[in-house]
Structure formats: C-alpha cells, structure tokens
C-alpha atoms as a PDB file:
ATOM      1  CA  UNK A   1     -48.918 -75.695 -42.806  1.00  0.00           C
ATOM      2  CA  UNK A   2     -48.326 -72.566 -44.915  1.00  0.00           C
ATOM      3  CA  UNK A   3     -51.674 -70.831 -45.791  1.00  0.00           C
ATOM      4  CA  UNK A   4     -50.901 -70.680 -49.557  1.00  0.00           C
ATOM      5  CA  UNK A   5     -50.338 -74.448 -49.750  1.00  0.00           C
ATOM      6  CA  UNK A   6     -53.607 -75.099 -48.016  1.00  0.00           C
ATOM      7  CA  UNK A   7     -55.376 -72.901 -50.456  1.00  0.00           C
ATOM      8  CA  UNK A   8     -53.823 -74.509 -53.430  1.00  0.00           C
ATOM      9  CA  UNK A   9     -54.661 -77.928 -52.263  1.00  0.00           C
ATOM     10  CA  UNK A  10     -58.153 -77.122 -51.033  1.00  0.00           C
ATOM     11  CA  UNK A  11     -59.199 -75.678 -54.422  1.00  0.00           C
ATOM     12  CA  UNK A  12     -58.076 -78.835 -56.183  1.00  0.00           C
ATOM     13  CA  UNK A  13     -59.835 -81.081 -53.660  1.00  0.00           C
ATOM     14  CA  UNK A  14     -63.058 -79.095 -53.967  1.00  0.00           C
ATOM     15  CA  UNK A  15     -63.103 -79.934 -57.639  1.00  0.00           C
ATOM     16  CA  UNK A  16     -62.181 -83.568 -56.818  1.00  0.00           C
ATOM     17  CA  UNK A  17     -65.020 -83.924 -54.249  1.00  0.00           C
ATOM     18  CA  UNK A  18     -67.545 -82.114 -56.449  1.00  0.00           C
ATOM     19  CA  UNK A  19     -66.810 -84.761 -59.123  1.00  0.00           C
ATOM     20  CA  UNK A  20     -67.961 -87.558 -56.726  1.00  0.00           C
ATOM     21  CA  UNK A  21     -71.137 -85.581 -56.149  1.00  0.00           C
ATOM     22  CA  UNK A  22     -71.819 -85.738 -59.916  1.00  0.00           C
ATOM     23  CA  UNK A  23     -70.473 -89.313 -60.473  1.00  0.00           C
ATOM     24  CA  UNK A  24     -67.838 -87.832 -62.892  1.00  0.00           C
ATOM     25  CA  UNK A  25     -64.677 -90.004 -62.996  1.00  0.00           C
ATOM     26  CA  UNK A  26     -63.114 -87.642 -65.563  1.00  0.00           C
ATOM     27  CA  UNK A  27     -63.580 -84.687 -63.259  1.00  0.00           C
ATOM     28  CA  UNK A  28     -61.952 -86.625 -60.415  1.00  0.00           C
ATOM     29  CA  UNK A  29     -59.043 -87.670 -62.609  1.00  0.00           C
ATOM     30  CA  UNK A  30     -58.469 -84.146 -63.801  1.00  0.00           C
ATOM     31  CA  UNK A  31     -56.484 -83.178 -60.640  1.00  0.00           C
ATOM     32  CA  UNK A  32     -53.822 -85.870 -61.575  1.00  0.00           C
ATOM     33  CA  UNK A  33     -50.865 -85.485 -63.887  1.00  0.00           C
ATOM     34  CA  UNK A  34     -50.917 -87.392 -67.202  1.00  0.00           C
ATOM     35  CA  UNK A  35     -48.442 -89.911 -65.774  1.00  0.00           C
ATOM     36  CA  UNK A  36     -49.777 -90.007 -62.177  1.00  0.00           C
ATOM     37  CA  UNK A  37     -49.947 -93.289 -60.226  1.00  0.00           C
ATOM     38  CA  UNK A  38     -52.553 -94.385 -57.690  1.00  0.00           C
ATOM     39  CA  UNK A  39     -51.113 -96.918 -55.205  1.00  0.00           C
ATOM     40  CA  UNK A  40     -54.052 -98.519 -53.427  1.00  0.00           C
ATOM     41  CA  UNK A  41     -53.693-101.362 -51.025  1.00  0.00           C
ATOM     42  CA  UNK A  42     -54.077-104.883 -52.474  1.00  0.00           C
ATOM     43  CA  UNK A  43     -53.777-103.680 -55.993  1.00  0.00           C
ATOM     44  CA  UNK A  44     -51.181-103.134 -58.684  1.00  0.00           C
ATOM     45  CA  UNK A  45     -50.278 -99.453 -59.328  1.00  0.00           C
ATOM     46  CA  UNK A  46     -52.848 -97.645 -61.511  1.00  0.00           C
ATOM     47  CA  UNK A  47     -50.771 -95.626 -63.905  1.00  0.00           C
ATOM     48  CA  UNK A  48     -51.950 -92.664 -66.093  1.00  0.00           C
ATOM     49  CA  UNK A  49     -54.879 -90.329 -66.001  1.00  0.00           C
ATOM     50  CA  UNK A  50     -57.078 -92.541 -68.293  1.00  0.00           C
ATOM     51  CA  UNK A  51     -56.653 -95.506 -65.903  1.00  0.00           C
ATOM     52  CA  UNK A  52     -57.153 -93.268 -62.885  1.00  0.00           C
ATOM     53  CA  UNK A  53     -60.383 -92.034 -64.418  1.00  0.00           C
ATOM     54  CA  UNK A  54     -61.577 -95.623 -64.953  1.00  0.00           C
ATOM     55  CA  UNK A  55     -60.641 -96.482 -61.258  1.00  0.00           C
ATOM     56  CA  UNK A  56     -62.576 -93.555 -59.777  1.00  0.00           C
ATOM     57  CA  UNK A  57     -65.466 -94.013 -62.146  1.00  0.00           C
ATOM     58  CA  UNK A  58     -65.626 -97.751 -61.093  1.00  0.00           C
ATOM     59  CA  UNK A  59     -65.724 -96.625 -57.450  1.00  0.00           C
ATOM     60  CA  UNK A  60     -68.524 -94.250 -58.168  1.00  0.00           C
ATOM     61  CA  UNK A  61     -70.505 -96.861 -60.150  1.00  0.00           C
ATOM     62  CA  UNK A  62     -70.398 -99.293 -57.207  1.00  0.00           C
ATOM     63  CA  UNK A  63     -71.794 -96.660 -54.837  1.00  0.00           C
ATOM     64  CA  UNK A  64     -68.946 -94.453 -53.544  1.00  0.00           C
ATOM     65  CA  UNK A  65     -70.729 -91.110 -53.432  1.00  0.00           C
ATOM     66  CA  UNK A  66     -68.305 -88.883 -51.606  1.00  0.00           C
ATOM     67  CA  UNK A  67     -64.580 -88.862 -50.859  1.00  0.00           C
ATOM     68  CA  UNK A  68     -63.328 -86.284 -48.472  1.00  0.00           C
ATOM     69  CA  UNK A  69     -59.638 -85.457 -47.858  1.00  0.00           C
ATOM     70  CA  UNK A  70     -58.349 -83.399 -45.025  1.00  0.00           C
ATOM     71  CA  UNK A  71     -54.665 -82.279 -45.368  1.00  0.00           C
ATOM     72  CA  UNK A  72     -52.829 -82.429 -42.032  1.00  0.00           C
ATOM     73  CA  UNK A  73     -49.353 -81.317 -43.243  1.00  0.00           C
ATOM     74  CA  UNK A  74     -47.766 -80.293 -46.457  1.00  0.00           C
ATOM     75  CA  UNK A  75     -44.235 -79.210 -47.339  1.00  0.00           C
ATOM     76  CA  UNK A  76     -43.084 -77.654 -50.598  1.00  0.00           C
ATOM     77  CA  UNK A  77     -39.770 -78.972 -51.984  1.00  0.00           C
ATOM     78  CA  UNK A  78     -38.808 -77.374 -55.268  1.00  0.00           C
ATOM     79  CA  UNK A  79     -41.454 -78.416 -57.829  1.00  0.00           C
ATOM     80  CA  UNK A  80     -43.372 -80.683 -55.499  1.00  0.00           C
ATOM     81  CA  UNK A  81     -45.599 -80.601 -52.473  1.00  0.00           C
ATOM     82  CA  UNK A  82     -45.607 -83.601 -50.175  1.00  0.00           C
ATOM     83  CA  UNK A  83     -48.940 -83.832 -48.360  1.00  0.00           C
ATOM     84  CA  UNK A  84     -50.087 -86.104 -45.467  1.00  0.00           C
ATOM     85  CA  UNK A  85     -53.714 -86.247 -44.369  1.00  0.00           C
ATOM     86  CA  UNK A  86     -56.810 -88.135 -43.466  1.00  0.00           C
ATOM     87  CA  UNK A  87     -59.681 -89.304 -45.669  1.00  0.00           C
ATOM     88  CA  UNK A  88     -63.277 -90.465 -45.334  1.00  0.00           C
ATOM     89  CA  UNK A  89     -65.312 -92.345 -47.935  1.00  0.00           C
ATOM     90  CA  UNK A  90     -69.060 -92.256 -48.029  1.00  0.00           C
ATOM     91  CA  UNK A  91     -71.643 -94.400 -49.853  1.00  0.00           C
ATOM     92  CA  UNK A  92     -75.357 -93.955 -50.627  1.00  0.00           C
ATOM     93  CA  UNK A  93     -77.317 -92.293 -47.850  1.00  0.00           C
ATOM     94  CA  UNK A  94     -74.146 -90.915 -46.218  1.00  0.00           C
ATOM     95  CA  UNK A  95     -73.053 -94.259 -45.000  1.00  0.00           C
ATOM     96  CA  UNK A  96     -69.420 -94.135 -43.845  1.00  0.00           C
ATOM     97  CA  UNK A  97     -67.480 -96.795 -45.843  1.00  0.00           C
ATOM     98  CA  UNK A  98     -63.911 -96.183 -44.826  1.00  0.00           C
ATOM     99  CA  UNK A  99     -61.556 -93.819 -42.913  1.00  0.00           C
ATOM    100  CA  UNK A 100     -57.837 -93.773 -43.229  1.00  0.00           C
ATOM    101  CA  UNK A 101     -54.759 -91.850 -44.020  1.00  0.00           C
ATOM    102  CA  UNK A 102     -52.927 -90.910 -47.261  1.00  0.00           C
ATOM    103  CA  UNK A 103     -49.821 -89.388 -48.789  1.00  0.00           C
ATOM    104  CA  UNK A 104     -49.963 -87.385 -51.954  1.00  0.00           C
ATOM    105  CA  UNK A 105     -47.138 -85.941 -53.968  1.00  0.00           C
ATOM    106  CA  UNK A 106     -48.152 -83.005 -56.094  1.00  0.00           C
ATOM    107  CA  UNK A 107     -46.194 -81.564 -59.027  1.00  0.00           C
ATOM    108  CA  UNK A 108     -46.437 -78.161 -60.611  1.00  0.00           C
ATOM    109  CA  UNK A 109     -47.645 -78.893 -64.196  1.00  0.00           C
ATOM    110  CA  UNK A 110     -49.569 -76.801 -66.814  1.00  0.00           C
ATOM    111  CA  UNK A 111     -49.573 -73.788 -64.379  1.00  0.00           C
ATOM    112  CA  UNK A 112     -51.278 -75.656 -61.602  1.00  0.00           C
ATOM    113  CA  UNK A 113     -50.641 -78.212 -58.793  1.00  0.00           C
ATOM    114  CA  UNK A 114     -51.627 -81.761 -59.844  1.00  0.00           C
ATOM    115  CA  UNK A 115     -51.215 -85.119 -57.990  1.00  0.00           C
ATOM    116  CA  UNK A 116     -48.285 -87.130 -59.227  1.00  0.00           C
ATOM    117  CA  UNK A 117     -48.396 -89.997 -56.640  1.00  0.00           C
ATOM    118  CA  UNK A 118     -51.333 -90.939 -54.389  1.00  0.00           C
ATOM    119  CA  UNK A 119     -51.242 -93.760 -51.757  1.00  0.00           C
ATOM    120  CA  UNK A 120     -53.721 -94.472 -48.965  1.00  0.00           C
ATOM    121  CA  UNK A 121     -54.424 -97.115 -46.276  1.00  0.00           C
ATOM    122  CA  UNK A 122     -57.531 -97.774 -44.257  1.00  0.00           C
ATOM    123  CA  UNK A 123     -57.457 -97.221 -40.539  1.00  0.00           C
ATOM    124  CA  UNK A 124     -60.392 -99.666 -39.998  1.00  0.00           C
ATOM    125  CA  UNK A 125     -59.579-103.115 -38.576  1.00  0.00           C
ATOM    126  CA  UNK A 126     -59.488-105.990 -41.068  1.00  0.00           C
ATOM    127  CA  UNK A 127     -61.911-108.936 -40.930  1.00  0.00           C
END
C-alpha cells in the first residue's frame, strides 16, 4: 500500500478512535462525508452524517469504548480510495467484543479524505 495513502487514512482513523475514547459520536462522524452511508449487517443503511453520529453515539452509550481499524490494502482511483482492512471492537475494561473485516470507500471532499461508504462484517461465529 502506498505510504501516502496509509498516512492519509491513519490520520483520519486516529481522530475516529480518539472520539471513542471520549464518547464523542460527533467526532467519530466527522470523518464521513455529509451523504455517507454505513452498511452494517442485519440493519438498513444508515444515511447521512447526522444519522451516522447517532449510530456511533448509540454504540458508545451501550459500552463500546474503542474501535480500532487496521488498513490492509488501499487503492486510489481518481477521487476515491478503496480500502480493505480488519477491525476490533472493545468494551469496558478492554473486553474484546468483536473482530472482523471491513471495506471503506473514501472520497476527496473539503480538502480532505472522508469516508463515503462503510461496510463491515464480523469474523466471529454466530450463535
């Protein structure tokens, strides 16, 4: 993965993860475009930054304390970056709640890279 792409994504994810440390849904949503979509499993699409803020704040309010993303590959295509990686979600006391994989599509908007589409799935067995 090109070094500059890693740097761009890492800076945004640092802000995102710091927002979880603070319980700040608005801070987490700030890395998304205004018309972004979250596409979680077993849920309708969550559309727009305000709805994304409410989603992430709800996760924080029920005990999600940290969300870590680790990009594995990224490719820039014109005004987008397509990213694939792994995630880990932690609750209170550092308890591991979920691990999985994700795809994020980033767009260049307002002089910065922001997430436009975000989909993830757990790697844990069901049941």
